[in-house]
Amino acid sequence: MKNDVLITDDLLLSKILQIRNQKVMIDRDLAELYGVPTKRLNEQVKRNLKRFPKDFMFQLTL
């Protein structure tokens, strides 16, 4: 994390959503918690797919 900000349980729990019966975090919120731009977070996940479980990420469609 870039800065030494304390992440409270309440803050973290407020970022967890339930979508399609799955607990998820939106990439924007996860990037904010790590102190990086959303684009950078997504780039790193895509570059390191083998390090994540298959169900780590999914894209919602309309």
Protein backbone atom coordinates (compact mmCIF):
# COMPACT_ATOMS: atom_id res chain seq x y z
CA MET A 1 0.00 0.00 0.00
CA LYS A 2 1.33 3.42 -0.90
CA ASN A 3 0.32 5.14 2.32
CA ASP A 4 -0.10 3.91 5.86
CA VAL A 5 -3.87 4.25 6.03
CA LEU A 6 -5.67 1.90 8.39
CA ILE A 7 -8.39 -0.05 6.63
CA THR A 8 -11.15 -0.77 9.10
CA ASP A 9 -13.32 -3.87 9.04
CA ASP A 10 -16.35 -1.67 8.38
CA LEU A 11 -14.70 -0.04 5.36
CA LEU A 12 -13.66 -3.39 3.92
CA LEU A 13 -17.06 -4.97 4.53
CA SER A 14 -18.79 -2.00 2.89
CA LYS A 15 -16.84 -2.72 -0.32
CA ILE A 16 -17.98 -6.36 -0.54
CA LEU A 17 -21.09 -6.81 -2.69
CA GLN A 18 -23.23 -9.83 -3.43
CA ILE A 19 -23.72 -10.38 -7.16
CA ARG A 20 -25.14 -13.57 -8.65
CA ASN A 21 -24.88 -15.24 -5.24
CA GLN A 22 -21.15 -14.50 -5.06
CA LYS A 23 -19.35 -12.16 -2.70
CA VAL A 24 -17.37 -9.79 -4.92
CA MET A 25 -15.37 -6.59 -4.86
CA ILE A 26 -15.45 -4.15 -7.75
CA ASP A 27 -12.02 -3.52 -9.28
CA ARG A 28 -12.30 0.20 -8.60
CA ASP A 29 -12.78 -0.42 -4.86
CA LEU A 30 -9.98 -2.97 -4.68
CA ALA A 31 -7.58 -0.62 -6.47
CA GLU A 32 -8.52 2.17 -4.07
CA LEU A 33 -7.74 -0.06 -1.07
CA TYR A 34 -4.32 -0.86 -2.55
CA GLY A 35 -3.70 2.77 -3.51
CA VAL A 36 -3.22 2.12 -7.22
CA PRO A 37 -5.15 3.18 -10.34
CA THR A 38 -7.83 0.70 -11.45
CA LYS A 39 -6.16 0.36 -14.84
CA ARG A 40 -2.88 -0.68 -13.19
CA LEU A 41 -4.60 -3.27 -10.97
CA ASN A 42 -6.31 -4.85 -13.98
CA GLU A 43 -3.06 -4.85 -16.00
CA GLN A 44 -1.24 -6.69 -13.22
CA VAL A 45 -3.99 -9.27 -12.81
CA LYS A 46 -4.01 -9.96 -16.56
CA ARG A 47 -0.19 -10.25 -16.63
CA ASN A 48 -0.20 -12.69 -13.71
CA LEU A 49 -3.29 -14.82 -14.39
CA LYS A 50 -1.52 -18.01 -13.31
CA ARG A 51 -1.20 -16.63 -9.79
CA PHE A 52 -4.96 -16.28 -9.33
CA PRO A 53 -7.73 -18.88 -9.08
CA LYS A 54 -9.89 -19.21 -12.20
CA ASP A 55 -12.86 -17.66 -10.42
CA PHE A 56 -10.88 -14.67 -9.12
CA MET A 57 -12.21 -12.34 -11.77
CA PHE A 58 -15.23 -12.18 -14.02
CA GLN A 59 -16.81 -9.53 -16.20
CA LEU A 60 -20.47 -8.64 -15.85
CA THR A 61 -22.53 -8.30 -18.99
CA LEU A 62 -25.93 -6.75 -19.58
